[in-house]
Amino acid sequence: MWGIRPMFLFRQFRPIFVAALLAALPLAGCRRSETSSRIQPVYDRDSGRLQLLKYDADGDGKTDTWSYMDGARVLRIEIDKNEDGKIDRWEYYDAAGQLEKVGASRTDNGKVDTWSYAAPDGTVARVETSTRGDGKIDRVDYYEKGVLARADEDTDGDGRMDKWDTYDGTRLASVAFDTTHSGRPDRRLIYAADGSVRIEVDPDGQGRFVAANHK
């Protein structure tokens, strides 16, 4: 059993950062500033539209931030925070320029396998994970005010959730299983605050759980 901590910061508003980069681009005939010298814009050959901003955030001579653009609108930002040559943060933006989701790599292999979505208050609302690294979401963690509330998981990779965890604060409260591949839980474990465990089953598949020894 495992859970994902709300590890992504959503209050960072990257379009403001990108706007600052755009403003730092040198005008014709103007001397390049220290900031603008660390920016490499890439334009579409046919339209002349800005497609990419490469940025050396720490000034060490290596690009560590790539902002994919549609003109002045940011589409996606990729960041190599530790400069190991592999992207470790992906930021995706919607048409209004709002941060939609943040991607990360659990194995630090440069491939995104976890996507975090923000709640209106800026805390994490949902984390989707491809635990097998194949791009298919097989676990979803749901948060309430930044605290893990429940998690749904596809344990056998058939594309359907078959395990459901619920939490009471930081305590695991219950785990339900679909043992018949019906798409709904038919067996569950209830964990009491004192550490005791109760086993329940749903014998007729109607959502009416009873103690296992009374089925």
N, C-alpha and C. Protein backbone atom coordinates (compact mmCIF):
# COMPACT_ATOMS: atom_id res chain seq x y z
N MET A 1 0.84 -1.19 0.00
CA MET A 1 0.00 0.00 0.00
C MET A 1 0.88 1.24 0.00
N TRP A 2 0.50 2.22 -0.80
CA TRP A 2 1.31 3.43 -0.84
C TRP A 2 0.41 4.57 -1.26
N GLY A 3 0.84 5.76 -0.99
CA GLY A 3 0.11 6.95 -1.39
C GLY A 3 1.08 7.97 -1.92
N ILE A 4 0.56 8.93 -2.66
CA ILE A 4 1.40 9.98 -3.24
C ILE A 4 1.16 11.27 -2.48
N ARG A 5 2.20 11.85 -2.01
CA ARG A 5 2.06 13.12 -1.32
C ARG A 5 1.78 14.24 -2.31
N PRO A 6 1.06 15.28 -1.87
CA PRO A 6 0.80 16.42 -2.77
C PRO A 6 2.08 17.21 -2.97
N MET A 7 2.91 16.76 -3.91
CA MET A 7 4.28 17.25 -4.02
C MET A 7 4.44 18.42 -4.98
N PHE A 8 3.38 18.82 -5.66
CA PHE A 8 3.54 19.83 -6.68
C PHE A 8 3.01 21.18 -6.19
N LEU A 9 3.70 22.24 -6.55
CA LEU A 9 3.28 23.58 -6.18
C LEU A 9 2.54 24.22 -7.34
N PHE A 10 1.29 24.61 -7.11
CA PHE A 10 0.50 25.20 -8.18
C PHE A 10 0.42 26.71 -8.11
N ARG A 11 0.81 27.28 -7.00
CA ARG A 11 0.69 28.73 -6.89
C ARG A 11 1.75 29.44 -7.72
N GLN A 12 2.74 28.69 -8.21
CA GLN A 12 3.69 29.29 -9.14
C GLN A 12 2.95 29.57 -10.43
N PHE A 13 2.97 30.83 -10.89
CA PHE A 13 2.27 31.20 -12.10
C PHE A 13 3.29 31.43 -13.19
N ARG A 14 3.64 30.40 -13.91
CA ARG A 14 4.73 30.45 -14.88
C ARG A 14 4.51 31.44 -16.02
N PRO A 15 3.27 31.67 -16.50
CA PRO A 15 3.12 32.65 -17.56
C PRO A 15 3.69 34.02 -17.20
N ILE A 16 3.65 34.40 -15.92
CA ILE A 16 4.28 35.65 -15.51
C ILE A 16 5.78 35.57 -15.73
N PHE A 17 6.35 34.42 -15.39
CA PHE A 17 7.77 34.18 -15.62
C PHE A 17 8.09 34.27 -17.10
N VAL A 18 7.24 33.66 -17.95
CA VAL A 18 7.47 33.71 -19.39
C VAL A 18 7.33 35.12 -19.91
N ALA A 19 6.35 35.87 -19.39
CA ALA A 19 6.18 37.26 -19.81
C ALA A 19 7.44 38.07 -19.51
N ALA A 20 8.06 37.77 -18.37
CA ALA A 20 9.30 38.46 -18.03
C ALA A 20 10.40 38.12 -19.02
N LEU A 21 10.44 36.87 -19.47
CA LEU A 21 11.43 36.48 -20.47
C LEU A 21 11.17 37.20 -21.79
N LEU A 22 9.91 37.27 -22.18
CA LEU A 22 9.58 37.97 -23.41
C LEU A 22 9.98 39.44 -23.35
N ALA A 23 9.73 40.03 -22.18
CA ALA A 23 10.08 41.44 -22.01
C ALA A 23 11.59 41.65 -22.05
N ALA A 24 12.35 40.61 -21.67
CA ALA A 24 13.80 40.74 -21.62
C ALA A 24 14.46 40.53 -22.97
N LEU A 25 13.69 40.05 -23.97
CA LEU A 25 14.28 39.86 -25.28
C LEU A 25 14.74 41.20 -25.83
N PRO A 26 15.95 41.27 -26.38
CA PRO A 26 16.50 42.55 -26.83
C PRO A 26 15.78 43.08 -28.06
N LEU A 27 15.56 44.38 -28.09
CA LEU A 27 15.01 45.03 -29.27
C LEU A 27 16.16 45.27 -30.26
N ALA A 28 15.82 45.50 -31.50
CA ALA A 28 16.83 45.72 -32.52
C ALA A 28 17.69 46.93 -32.15
N GLY A 29 18.99 46.75 -32.21
CA GLY A 29 19.91 47.84 -31.92
C GLY A 29 20.17 48.07 -30.46
N CYS A 30 19.50 47.29 -29.58
CA CYS A 30 19.68 47.48 -28.14
C CYS A 30 20.73 46.51 -27.63
N ARG A 31 21.41 46.92 -26.59
CA ARG A 31 22.42 46.07 -25.97
C ARG A 31 21.74 44.94 -25.23
N ARG A 32 22.27 43.73 -25.37
CA ARG A 32 21.70 42.58 -24.69
C ARG A 32 21.99 42.66 -23.20
N SER A 33 20.94 42.48 -22.39
CA SER A 33 21.12 42.46 -20.95
C SER A 33 21.61 41.09 -20.52
N GLU A 34 22.00 40.98 -19.25
CA GLU A 34 22.46 39.69 -18.74
C GLU A 34 21.36 38.66 -18.85
N THR A 35 20.10 39.07 -18.55
CA THR A 35 18.98 38.13 -18.62
C THR A 35 18.71 37.71 -20.05
N SER A 36 18.65 38.67 -20.97
CA SER A 36 18.33 38.35 -22.35
C SER A 36 19.40 37.49 -23.00
N SER A 37 20.63 37.58 -22.54
CA SER A 37 21.70 36.76 -23.11
C SER A 37 21.53 35.29 -22.75
N ARG A 38 20.71 35.01 -21.75
CA ARG A 38 20.45 33.64 -21.34
C ARG A 38 19.19 33.07 -21.98
N ILE A 39 18.55 33.85 -22.86
CA ILE A 39 17.33 33.44 -23.52
C ILE A 39 17.62 33.14 -24.99
N GLN A 40 17.12 32.02 -25.47
CA GLN A 40 17.25 31.68 -26.88
C GLN A 40 15.85 31.46 -27.46
N PRO A 41 15.30 32.44 -28.17
CA PRO A 41 13.99 32.25 -28.78
C PRO A 41 14.11 31.46 -30.08
N VAL A 42 13.11 30.64 -30.36
CA VAL A 42 13.03 29.86 -31.60
C VAL A 42 11.73 30.22 -32.27
N TYR A 43 11.81 30.62 -33.55
CA TYR A 43 10.64 31.08 -34.28
C TYR A 43 10.32 30.12 -35.43
N ASP A 44 9.03 30.05 -35.78
CA ASP A 44 8.62 29.27 -36.93
C ASP A 44 9.17 29.92 -38.20
N ARG A 45 9.77 29.12 -39.06
CA ARG A 45 10.41 29.67 -40.24
C ARG A 45 9.43 30.32 -41.20
N ASP A 46 8.23 29.76 -41.29
CA ASP A 46 7.26 30.28 -42.25
C ASP A 46 6.50 31.49 -41.73
N SER A 47 5.98 31.37 -40.51
CA SER A 47 5.13 32.44 -39.97
C SER A 47 5.90 33.46 -39.14
N GLY A 48 7.09 33.10 -38.66
CA GLY A 48 7.83 33.98 -37.78
C GLY A 48 7.29 34.00 -36.36
N ARG A 49 6.34 33.12 -36.08
CA ARG A 49 5.70 33.07 -34.76
C ARG A 49 6.63 32.38 -33.76
N LEU A 50 6.66 32.93 -32.55
CA LEU A 50 7.49 32.36 -31.50
C LEU A 50 6.99 30.97 -31.13
N GLN A 51 7.90 29.98 -31.14
CA GLN A 51 7.54 28.61 -30.82
C GLN A 51 8.15 28.12 -29.52
N LEU A 52 9.31 28.63 -29.17
CA LEU A 52 10.05 28.09 -28.04
C LEU A 52 10.95 29.15 -27.44
N LEU A 53 11.02 29.14 -26.12
CA LEU A 53 11.99 29.95 -25.39
C LEU A 53 12.88 29.02 -24.60
N LYS A 54 14.17 29.03 -24.90
CA LYS A 54 15.14 28.27 -24.12
C LYS A 54 15.77 29.22 -23.13
N TYR A 55 15.85 28.80 -21.88
CA TYR A 55 16.32 29.72 -20.85
C TYR A 55 17.31 29.03 -19.92
N ASP A 56 18.38 29.73 -19.62
CA ASP A 56 19.37 29.28 -18.64
C ASP A 56 19.09 30.02 -17.35
N ALA A 57 18.28 29.40 -16.47
CA ALA A 57 17.79 30.10 -15.28
C ALA A 57 18.90 30.47 -14.30
N ASP A 58 19.91 29.61 -14.16
CA ASP A 58 20.94 29.88 -13.15
C ASP A 58 22.22 30.46 -13.75
N GLY A 59 22.22 30.70 -15.04
CA GLY A 59 23.35 31.38 -15.66
C GLY A 59 24.62 30.57 -15.74
N ASP A 60 24.51 29.22 -15.78
CA ASP A 60 25.71 28.40 -15.83
C ASP A 60 26.08 27.99 -17.25
N GLY A 61 25.35 28.55 -18.22
CA GLY A 61 25.65 28.25 -19.61
C GLY A 61 24.89 27.08 -20.18
N LYS A 62 24.01 26.45 -19.38
CA LYS A 62 23.24 25.31 -19.83
C LYS A 62 21.75 25.64 -19.78
N THR A 63 21.05 25.34 -20.86
CA THR A 63 19.60 25.53 -20.86
C THR A 63 18.95 24.55 -19.88
N ASP A 64 18.08 25.07 -19.01
CA ASP A 64 17.40 24.20 -18.04
C ASP A 64 15.89 24.39 -18.06
N THR A 65 15.41 25.34 -18.87
CA THR A 65 13.97 25.59 -18.94
C THR A 65 13.57 25.80 -20.40
N TRP A 66 12.56 25.04 -20.84
CA TRP A 66 12.06 25.14 -22.21
C TRP A 66 10.59 25.52 -22.15
N SER A 67 10.25 26.68 -22.67
CA SER A 67 8.86 27.15 -22.70
C SER A 67 8.34 27.03 -24.13
N TYR A 68 7.40 26.13 -24.35
CA TYR A 68 6.82 25.93 -25.67
C TYR A 68 5.68 26.92 -25.84
N MET A 69 5.73 27.67 -26.93
CA MET A 69 4.87 28.83 -27.09
C MET A 69 4.02 28.76 -28.36
N ASP A 70 2.92 29.48 -28.32
CA ASP A 70 2.15 29.80 -29.52
C ASP A 70 2.09 31.31 -29.57
N GLY A 71 3.13 31.91 -30.13
CA GLY A 71 3.27 33.36 -30.04
C GLY A 71 3.60 33.75 -28.62
N ALA A 72 2.77 34.59 -28.02
CA ALA A 72 3.00 35.02 -26.64
C ALA A 72 2.31 34.13 -25.62
N ARG A 73 1.59 33.11 -26.10
CA ARG A 73 0.86 32.23 -25.19
C ARG A 73 1.68 30.99 -24.88
N VAL A 74 1.82 30.70 -23.60
CA VAL A 74 2.59 29.52 -23.19
C VAL A 74 1.70 28.29 -23.27
N LEU A 75 2.24 27.22 -23.84
CA LEU A 75 1.53 25.95 -23.95
C LEU A 75 2.02 24.95 -22.91
N ARG A 76 3.33 24.84 -22.82
CA ARG A 76 3.92 23.85 -21.91
C ARG A 76 5.32 24.32 -21.53
N ILE A 77 5.71 24.04 -20.30
CA ILE A 77 7.05 24.36 -19.84
C ILE A 77 7.69 23.08 -19.30
N GLU A 78 8.90 22.82 -19.74
CA GLU A 78 9.65 21.67 -19.26
C GLU A 78 10.89 22.17 -18.53
N ILE A 79 11.18 21.58 -17.38
CA ILE A 79 12.26 22.07 -16.53
C ILE A 79 13.16 20.92 -16.09
N ASP A 80 14.45 21.13 -16.24
CA ASP A 80 15.45 20.21 -15.69
C ASP A 80 16.01 20.88 -14.45
N LYS A 81 15.40 20.62 -13.31
CA LYS A 81 15.74 21.37 -12.09
C LYS A 81 17.14 21.06 -11.58
N ASN A 82 17.56 19.81 -11.70
CA ASN A 82 18.89 19.46 -11.17
C ASN A 82 19.96 19.38 -12.25
N GLU A 83 19.56 19.75 -13.48
CA GLU A 83 20.49 19.83 -14.62
C GLU A 83 21.29 18.54 -14.82
N ASP A 84 20.56 17.42 -14.79
CA ASP A 84 21.20 16.14 -15.07
C ASP A 84 20.94 15.69 -16.51
N GLY A 85 20.37 16.60 -17.30
CA GLY A 85 20.09 16.28 -18.69
C GLY A 85 18.74 15.64 -18.92
N LYS A 86 17.93 15.51 -17.84
CA LYS A 86 16.62 14.89 -17.95
C LYS A 86 15.56 15.82 -17.38
N ILE A 87 14.46 15.95 -18.10
CA ILE A 87 13.35 16.77 -17.60
C ILE A 87 12.76 16.11 -16.37
N ASP A 88 12.48 16.92 -15.33
CA ASP A 88 11.87 16.37 -14.12
C ASP A 88 10.62 17.13 -13.70
N ARG A 89 10.21 18.16 -14.47
CA ARG A 89 8.95 18.84 -14.19
C ARG A 89 8.35 19.31 -15.52
N TRP A 90 7.07 19.00 -15.69
CA TRP A 90 6.33 19.40 -16.88
C TRP A 90 5.13 20.22 -16.42
N GLU A 91 4.96 21.41 -16.99
CA GLU A 91 3.81 22.25 -16.66
C GLU A 91 2.95 22.42 -17.91
N TYR A 92 1.67 22.13 -17.79
CA TYR A 92 0.74 22.22 -18.92
C TYR A 92 -0.27 23.34 -18.65
N TYR A 93 -0.51 24.18 -19.67
CA TYR A 93 -1.38 25.33 -19.51
C TYR A 93 -2.56 25.25 -20.47
N ASP A 94 -3.71 25.77 -20.01
CA ASP A 94 -4.90 25.75 -20.86
C ASP A 94 -4.94 26.98 -21.75
N ALA A 95 -6.01 27.12 -22.52
CA ALA A 95 -6.12 28.21 -23.49
C ALA A 95 -6.14 29.58 -22.83
N ALA A 96 -6.56 29.62 -21.56
CA ALA A 96 -6.61 30.89 -20.84
C ALA A 96 -5.29 31.22 -20.14
N GLY A 97 -4.29 30.35 -20.31
CA GLY A 97 -3.00 30.60 -19.68
C GLY A 97 -2.92 30.16 -18.24
N GLN A 98 -3.92 29.39 -17.79
CA GLN A 98 -3.91 28.91 -16.42
C GLN A 98 -3.20 27.56 -16.34
N LEU A 99 -2.47 27.34 -15.26
CA LEU A 99 -1.79 26.08 -15.06
C LEU A 99 -2.82 24.98 -14.88
N GLU A 100 -2.81 24.00 -15.77
CA GLU A 100 -3.81 22.94 -15.77
C GLU A 100 -3.36 21.73 -14.97
N LYS A 101 -2.11 21.31 -15.21
CA LYS A 101 -1.58 20.16 -14.49
C LYS A 101 -0.06 20.23 -14.50
N VAL A 102 0.54 19.49 -13.58
CA VAL A 102 1.99 19.41 -13.46
C VAL A 102 2.40 17.96 -13.52
N GLY A 103 3.38 17.67 -14.36
CA GLY A 103 3.87 16.31 -14.51
C GLY A 103 5.20 16.10 -13.81
N ALA A 104 5.46 14.86 -13.44
CA ALA A 104 6.73 14.51 -12.80
C ALA A 104 7.08 13.08 -13.18
N SER A 105 8.31 12.70 -12.90
CA SER A 105 8.79 11.34 -13.14
C SER A 105 9.14 10.71 -11.81
N ARG A 106 8.41 9.67 -11.42
CA ARG A 106 8.68 9.03 -10.13
C ARG A 106 10.04 8.34 -10.12
N THR A 107 10.48 7.85 -11.28
CA THR A 107 11.74 7.11 -11.36
C THR A 107 12.89 7.99 -11.83
N ASP A 108 12.62 9.29 -12.06
CA ASP A 108 13.65 10.23 -12.49
C ASP A 108 14.37 9.76 -13.75
N ASN A 109 13.57 9.26 -14.72
CA ASN A 109 14.16 8.79 -15.97
C ASN A 109 13.91 9.73 -17.14
N GLY A 110 13.38 10.92 -16.85
CA GLY A 110 13.12 11.89 -17.89
C GLY A 110 11.81 11.71 -18.61
N LYS A 111 10.98 10.74 -18.16
CA LYS A 111 9.69 10.47 -18.78
C LYS A 111 8.59 10.73 -17.75
N VAL A 112 7.62 11.53 -18.12
CA VAL A 112 6.54 11.86 -17.20
C VAL A 112 5.66 10.64 -16.97
N ASP A 113 5.34 10.34 -15.71
CA ASP A 113 4.45 9.23 -15.39
C ASP A 113 3.44 9.60 -14.30
N THR A 114 3.49 10.84 -13.84
CA THR A 114 2.59 11.30 -12.78
C THR A 114 2.09 12.70 -13.13
N TRP A 115 0.78 12.91 -13.01
CA TRP A 115 0.19 14.20 -13.33
C TRP A 115 -0.63 14.68 -12.14
N SER A 116 -0.38 15.91 -11.72
CA SER A 116 -1.06 16.47 -10.56
C SER A 116 -1.94 17.63 -11.00
N TYR A 117 -3.17 17.67 -10.48
CA TYR A 117 -4.15 18.69 -10.85
C TYR A 117 -4.48 19.55 -9.62
N ALA A 118 -4.70 20.83 -9.86
CA ALA A 118 -4.90 21.77 -8.76
C ALA A 118 -6.37 21.97 -8.42
N ALA A 119 -6.63 22.22 -7.15
CA ALA A 119 -7.94 22.66 -6.68
C ALA A 119 -8.01 24.18 -6.82
N PRO A 120 -9.20 24.78 -6.73
CA PRO A 120 -9.31 26.23 -6.87
C PRO A 120 -8.46 27.02 -5.88
N ASP A 121 -8.18 26.44 -4.70
CA ASP A 121 -7.39 27.16 -3.71
C ASP A 121 -5.89 26.99 -3.90
N GLY A 122 -5.49 26.29 -4.97
CA GLY A 122 -4.07 26.12 -5.26
C GLY A 122 -3.45 24.87 -4.68
N THR A 123 -4.17 24.15 -3.84
CA THR A 123 -3.66 22.88 -3.31
C THR A 123 -3.90 21.77 -4.33
N VAL A 124 -3.31 20.64 -4.10
CA VAL A 124 -3.49 19.51 -5.00
C VAL A 124 -4.87 18.89 -4.80
N ALA A 125 -5.57 18.67 -5.91
CA ALA A 125 -6.89 18.04 -5.85
C ALA A 125 -6.83 16.57 -6.24
N ARG A 126 -5.98 16.26 -7.23
CA ARG A 126 -5.95 14.89 -7.77
C ARG A 126 -4.57 14.60 -8.34
N VAL A 127 -4.09 13.39 -8.14
CA VAL A 127 -2.83 12.94 -8.73
C VAL A 127 -3.10 11.66 -9.49
N GLU A 128 -2.77 11.67 -10.79
CA GLU A 128 -2.93 10.49 -11.63
C GLU A 128 -1.55 9.90 -11.90
N THR A 129 -1.43 8.58 -11.80
CA THR A 129 -0.13 7.94 -11.94
C THR A 129 -0.20 6.73 -12.86
N SER A 130 0.81 6.62 -13.69
CA SER A 130 1.03 5.40 -14.48
C SER A 130 2.11 4.62 -13.76
N THR A 131 1.71 3.72 -12.88
CA THR A 131 2.68 3.02 -12.04
C THR A 131 3.58 2.10 -12.86
N ARG A 132 3.10 1.67 -14.03
CA ARG A 132 3.90 0.80 -14.89
C ARG A 132 4.74 1.59 -15.88
N GLY A 133 4.58 2.92 -15.91
CA GLY A 133 5.36 3.76 -16.80
C GLY A 133 5.00 3.63 -18.27
N ASP A 134 3.79 3.12 -18.57
CA ASP A 134 3.38 2.94 -19.96
C ASP A 134 2.44 4.04 -20.44
N GLY A 135 2.25 5.08 -19.62
CA GLY A 135 1.38 6.19 -19.98
C GLY A 135 -0.08 5.97 -19.66
N LYS A 136 -0.43 4.76 -19.24
CA LYS A 136 -1.82 4.46 -18.88
C LYS A 136 -2.02 4.71 -17.39
N ILE A 137 -3.02 5.50 -17.05
CA ILE A 137 -3.31 5.82 -15.66
C ILE A 137 -3.89 4.59 -14.97
N ASP A 138 -3.20 4.12 -13.92
CA ASP A 138 -3.73 2.98 -13.18
C ASP A 138 -3.88 3.26 -11.69
N ARG A 139 -3.62 4.49 -11.28
CA ARG A 139 -3.88 4.88 -9.90
C ARG A 139 -4.25 6.37 -9.88
N VAL A 140 -5.28 6.70 -9.12
CA VAL A 140 -5.70 8.08 -8.95
C VAL A 140 -5.86 8.37 -7.47
N ASP A 141 -5.13 9.36 -6.98
CA ASP A 141 -5.24 9.79 -5.58
C ASP A 141 -6.04 11.08 -5.52
N TYR A 142 -7.00 11.14 -4.62
CA TYR A 142 -7.86 12.30 -4.46
C TYR A 142 -7.56 12.97 -3.12
N TYR A 143 -7.44 14.30 -3.16
CA TYR A 143 -7.10 15.07 -1.97
C TYR A 143 -8.21 16.05 -1.62
N GLU A 144 -8.37 16.29 -0.35
CA GLU A 144 -9.28 17.31 0.14
C GLU A 144 -8.48 18.28 1.00
N LYS A 145 -8.37 19.52 0.54
CA LYS A 145 -7.57 20.54 1.20
C LYS A 145 -6.13 20.07 1.43
N GLY A 146 -5.58 19.40 0.42
CA GLY A 146 -4.20 18.97 0.47
C GLY A 146 -3.95 17.68 1.22
N VAL A 147 -5.02 17.04 1.74
CA VAL A 147 -4.88 15.81 2.51
C VAL A 147 -5.46 14.65 1.70
N LEU A 148 -4.72 13.54 1.61
CA LEU A 148 -5.18 12.39 0.87
C LEU A 148 -6.47 11.84 1.48
N ALA A 149 -7.52 11.75 0.65
CA ALA A 149 -8.83 11.29 1.11
C ALA A 149 -9.15 9.89 0.62
N ARG A 150 -8.78 9.60 -0.63
CA ARG A 150 -9.05 8.26 -1.14
C ARG A 150 -8.14 8.00 -2.35
N ALA A 151 -8.03 6.74 -2.72
CA ALA A 151 -7.21 6.35 -3.86
C ALA A 151 -7.87 5.18 -4.57
N ASP A 152 -7.94 5.26 -5.90
CA ASP A 152 -8.48 4.19 -6.72
C ASP A 152 -7.34 3.59 -7.53
N GLU A 153 -7.31 2.27 -7.67
CA GLU A 153 -6.17 1.65 -8.33
C GLU A 153 -6.62 0.47 -9.20
N ASP A 154 -5.98 0.35 -10.36
CA ASP A 154 -6.16 -0.80 -11.24
C ASP A 154 -4.95 -1.70 -11.02
N THR A 155 -5.11 -2.72 -10.23
CA THR A 155 -3.97 -3.54 -9.81
C THR A 155 -3.54 -4.57 -10.85
N ASP A 156 -4.44 -4.94 -11.78
CA ASP A 156 -4.10 -5.98 -12.74
C ASP A 156 -3.91 -5.45 -14.15
N GLY A 157 -4.02 -4.13 -14.34
CA GLY A 157 -3.74 -3.54 -15.63
C GLY A 157 -4.76 -3.80 -16.71
N ASP A 158 -6.01 -4.10 -16.33
CA ASP A 158 -7.03 -4.37 -17.34
C ASP A 158 -7.82 -3.12 -17.72
N GLY A 159 -7.42 -1.97 -17.17
CA GLY A 159 -8.09 -0.72 -17.51
C GLY A 159 -9.24 -0.35 -16.62
N ARG A 160 -9.52 -1.19 -15.60
CA ARG A 160 -10.62 -0.91 -14.67
C ARG A 160 -10.10 -0.88 -13.24
N MET A 161 -10.57 0.08 -12.47
CA MET A 161 -10.17 0.15 -11.08
C MET A 161 -10.74 -1.04 -10.32
N ASP A 162 -9.90 -1.66 -9.47
CA ASP A 162 -10.37 -2.83 -8.72
C ASP A 162 -9.95 -2.79 -7.26
N LYS A 163 -9.41 -1.66 -6.82
CA LYS A 163 -9.03 -1.50 -5.41
C LYS A 163 -9.27 -0.05 -5.03
N TRP A 164 -9.92 0.13 -3.87
CA TRP A 164 -10.28 1.46 -3.43
C TRP A 164 -9.86 1.66 -1.97
N ASP A 165 -9.01 2.65 -1.74
CA ASP A 165 -8.58 2.99 -0.37
C ASP A 165 -9.28 4.26 0.07
N THR A 166 -9.67 4.31 1.33
CA THR A 166 -10.19 5.55 1.91
C THR A 166 -9.37 5.88 3.15
N TYR A 167 -9.23 7.17 3.43
CA TYR A 167 -8.39 7.63 4.54
C TYR A 167 -9.19 8.53 5.47
N ASP A 168 -8.82 8.46 6.71
CA ASP A 168 -9.38 9.34 7.74
C ASP A 168 -8.21 10.15 8.30
N GLY A 169 -8.02 11.33 7.73
CA GLY A 169 -6.81 12.08 8.06
C GLY A 169 -5.61 11.37 7.47
N THR A 170 -4.63 11.04 8.29
CA THR A 170 -3.46 10.31 7.81
C THR A 170 -3.62 8.80 7.99
N ARG A 171 -4.76 8.37 8.51
CA ARG A 171 -4.98 6.96 8.82
C ARG A 171 -5.75 6.27 7.71
N LEU A 172 -5.27 5.09 7.29
CA LEU A 172 -6.00 4.28 6.33
C LEU A 172 -7.25 3.73 7.02
N ALA A 173 -8.43 4.07 6.47
CA ALA A 173 -9.69 3.68 7.10
C ALA A 173 -10.26 2.40 6.52
N SER A 174 -10.12 2.20 5.21
CA SER A 174 -10.67 1.00 4.60
C SER A 174 -10.00 0.73 3.26
N VAL A 175 -10.04 -0.53 2.88
CA VAL A 175 -9.58 -0.96 1.56
C VAL A 175 -10.63 -1.90 0.99
N ALA A 176 -11.13 -1.59 -0.19
CA ALA A 176 -12.14 -2.43 -0.83
C ALA A 176 -11.57 -3.04 -2.10
N PHE A 177 -12.04 -4.25 -2.44
CA PHE A 177 -11.50 -4.99 -3.58
C PHE A 177 -12.64 -5.49 -4.47
N ASP A 178 -12.35 -5.54 -5.76
CA ASP A 178 -13.25 -6.19 -6.71
C ASP A 178 -12.61 -7.54 -7.05
N THR A 179 -13.05 -8.58 -6.40
CA THR A 179 -12.46 -9.91 -6.60
C THR A 179 -13.15 -10.71 -7.70
N THR A 180 -14.28 -10.21 -8.21
CA THR A 180 -15.05 -10.94 -9.22
C THR A 180 -14.99 -10.28 -10.59
N HIS A 181 -14.23 -9.19 -10.71
CA HIS A 181 -14.10 -8.44 -11.97
C HIS A 181 -15.46 -7.92 -12.45
N SER A 182 -16.27 -7.49 -11.51
CA SER A 182 -17.58 -6.96 -11.84
C SER A 182 -17.57 -5.45 -12.02
N GLY A 183 -16.46 -4.82 -11.62
CA GLY A 183 -16.38 -3.37 -11.70
C GLY A 183 -16.82 -2.66 -10.44
N ARG A 184 -17.17 -3.44 -9.42
CA ARG A 184 -17.59 -2.86 -8.15
C ARG A 184 -16.97 -3.68 -7.00
N PRO A 185 -16.76 -3.05 -5.84
CA PRO A 185 -16.15 -3.78 -4.72
C PRO A 185 -17.10 -4.82 -4.15
N ASP A 186 -16.54 -5.97 -3.79
CA ASP A 186 -17.35 -7.02 -3.18
C ASP A 186 -16.74 -7.52 -1.86
N ARG A 187 -15.58 -6.98 -1.53
CA ARG A 187 -14.91 -7.37 -0.28
C ARG A 187 -14.14 -6.16 0.22
N ARG A 188 -14.16 -5.96 1.54
CA ARG A 188 -13.42 -4.81 2.06
C ARG A 188 -12.92 -5.07 3.47
N LEU A 189 -11.85 -4.35 3.79
CA LEU A 189 -11.25 -4.38 5.12
C LEU A 189 -11.49 -3.02 5.77
N ILE A 190 -12.02 -3.03 6.98
CA ILE A 190 -12.28 -1.81 7.74
C ILE A 190 -11.28 -1.75 8.88
N TYR A 191 -10.49 -0.68 8.92
CA TYR A 191 -9.46 -0.52 9.94
C TYR A 191 -9.94 0.44 11.01
N ALA A 192 -10.03 -0.01 12.24
CA ALA A 192 -10.46 0.83 13.36
C ALA A 192 -9.27 1.63 13.88
N ALA A 193 -9.58 2.66 14.62
CA ALA A 193 -8.53 3.52 15.18
C ALA A 193 -7.64 2.76 16.16
N ASP A 194 -8.17 1.70 16.76
CA ASP A 194 -7.39 0.93 17.73
C ASP A 194 -6.50 -0.12 17.06
N GLY A 195 -6.53 -0.18 15.73
CA GLY A 195 -5.69 -1.13 15.01
C GLY A 195 -6.38 -2.42 14.63
N SER A 196 -7.59 -2.63 15.09
CA SER A 196 -8.31 -3.85 14.75
C SER A 196 -8.84 -3.76 13.30
N VAL A 197 -9.09 -4.93 12.72
CA VAL A 197 -9.54 -5.01 11.33
C VAL A 197 -10.82 -5.83 11.25
N ARG A 198 -11.79 -5.34 10.50
CA ARG A 198 -13.03 -6.06 10.27
C ARG A 198 -13.14 -6.38 8.78
N ILE A 199 -13.49 -7.61 8.46
CA ILE A 199 -13.63 -8.03 7.08
C ILE A 199 -15.12 -8.07 6.73
N GLU A 200 -15.46 -7.43 5.62
CA GLU A 200 -16.86 -7.40 5.18
C GLU A 200 -16.94 -7.86 3.73
N VAL A 201 -18.10 -8.40 3.36
CA VAL A 201 -18.33 -8.84 1.99
C VAL A 201 -19.70 -8.37 1.52
N ASP A 202 -19.85 -8.29 0.22
CA ASP A 202 -21.13 -7.94 -0.40
C ASP A 202 -21.57 -9.16 -1.20
N PRO A 203 -22.30 -10.08 -0.60
CA PRO A 203 -22.59 -11.38 -1.23
C PRO A 203 -23.46 -11.30 -2.48
N ASP A 204 -24.36 -10.30 -2.56
CA ASP A 204 -25.26 -10.25 -3.71
C ASP A 204 -24.93 -9.14 -4.70
N GLY A 205 -23.83 -8.44 -4.47
CA GLY A 205 -23.41 -7.40 -5.41
C GLY A 205 -24.29 -6.18 -5.43
N GLN A 206 -25.02 -5.93 -4.36
CA GLN A 206 -25.94 -4.80 -4.31
C GLN A 206 -25.41 -3.65 -3.45
N GLY A 207 -24.16 -3.76 -3.01
CA GLY A 207 -23.59 -2.69 -2.21
C GLY A 207 -23.96 -2.78 -0.73
N ARG A 208 -24.48 -3.92 -0.32
CA ARG A 208 -24.84 -4.13 1.08
C ARG A 208 -23.80 -5.03 1.74
N PHE A 209 -22.85 -4.41 2.42
CA PHE A 209 -21.77 -5.18 3.03
C PHE A 209 -22.19 -5.70 4.40
N VAL A 210 -21.76 -6.92 4.68
CA VAL A 210 -22.00 -7.53 5.98
C VAL A 210 -20.71 -8.17 6.44
N ALA A 211 -20.64 -8.48 7.73
CA ALA A 211 -19.44 -9.14 8.27
C ALA A 211 -19.22 -10.45 7.53
N ALA A 212 -17.97 -10.77 7.27
CA ALA A 212 -17.63 -11.94 6.45
C ALA A 212 -18.20 -13.22 7.03
N ASN A 213 -18.27 -13.35 8.34
CA ASN A 213 -18.76 -14.59 8.95
C ASN A 213 -20.29 -14.64 9.01
N HIS A 214 -20.96 -13.60 8.45
CA HIS A 214 -22.43 -13.59 8.42
C HIS A 214 -22.98 -13.57 7.00
N LYS A 215 -22.13 -13.87 6.02
CA LYS A 215 -22.59 -13.77 4.63
C LYS A 215 -23.59 -14.88 4.30
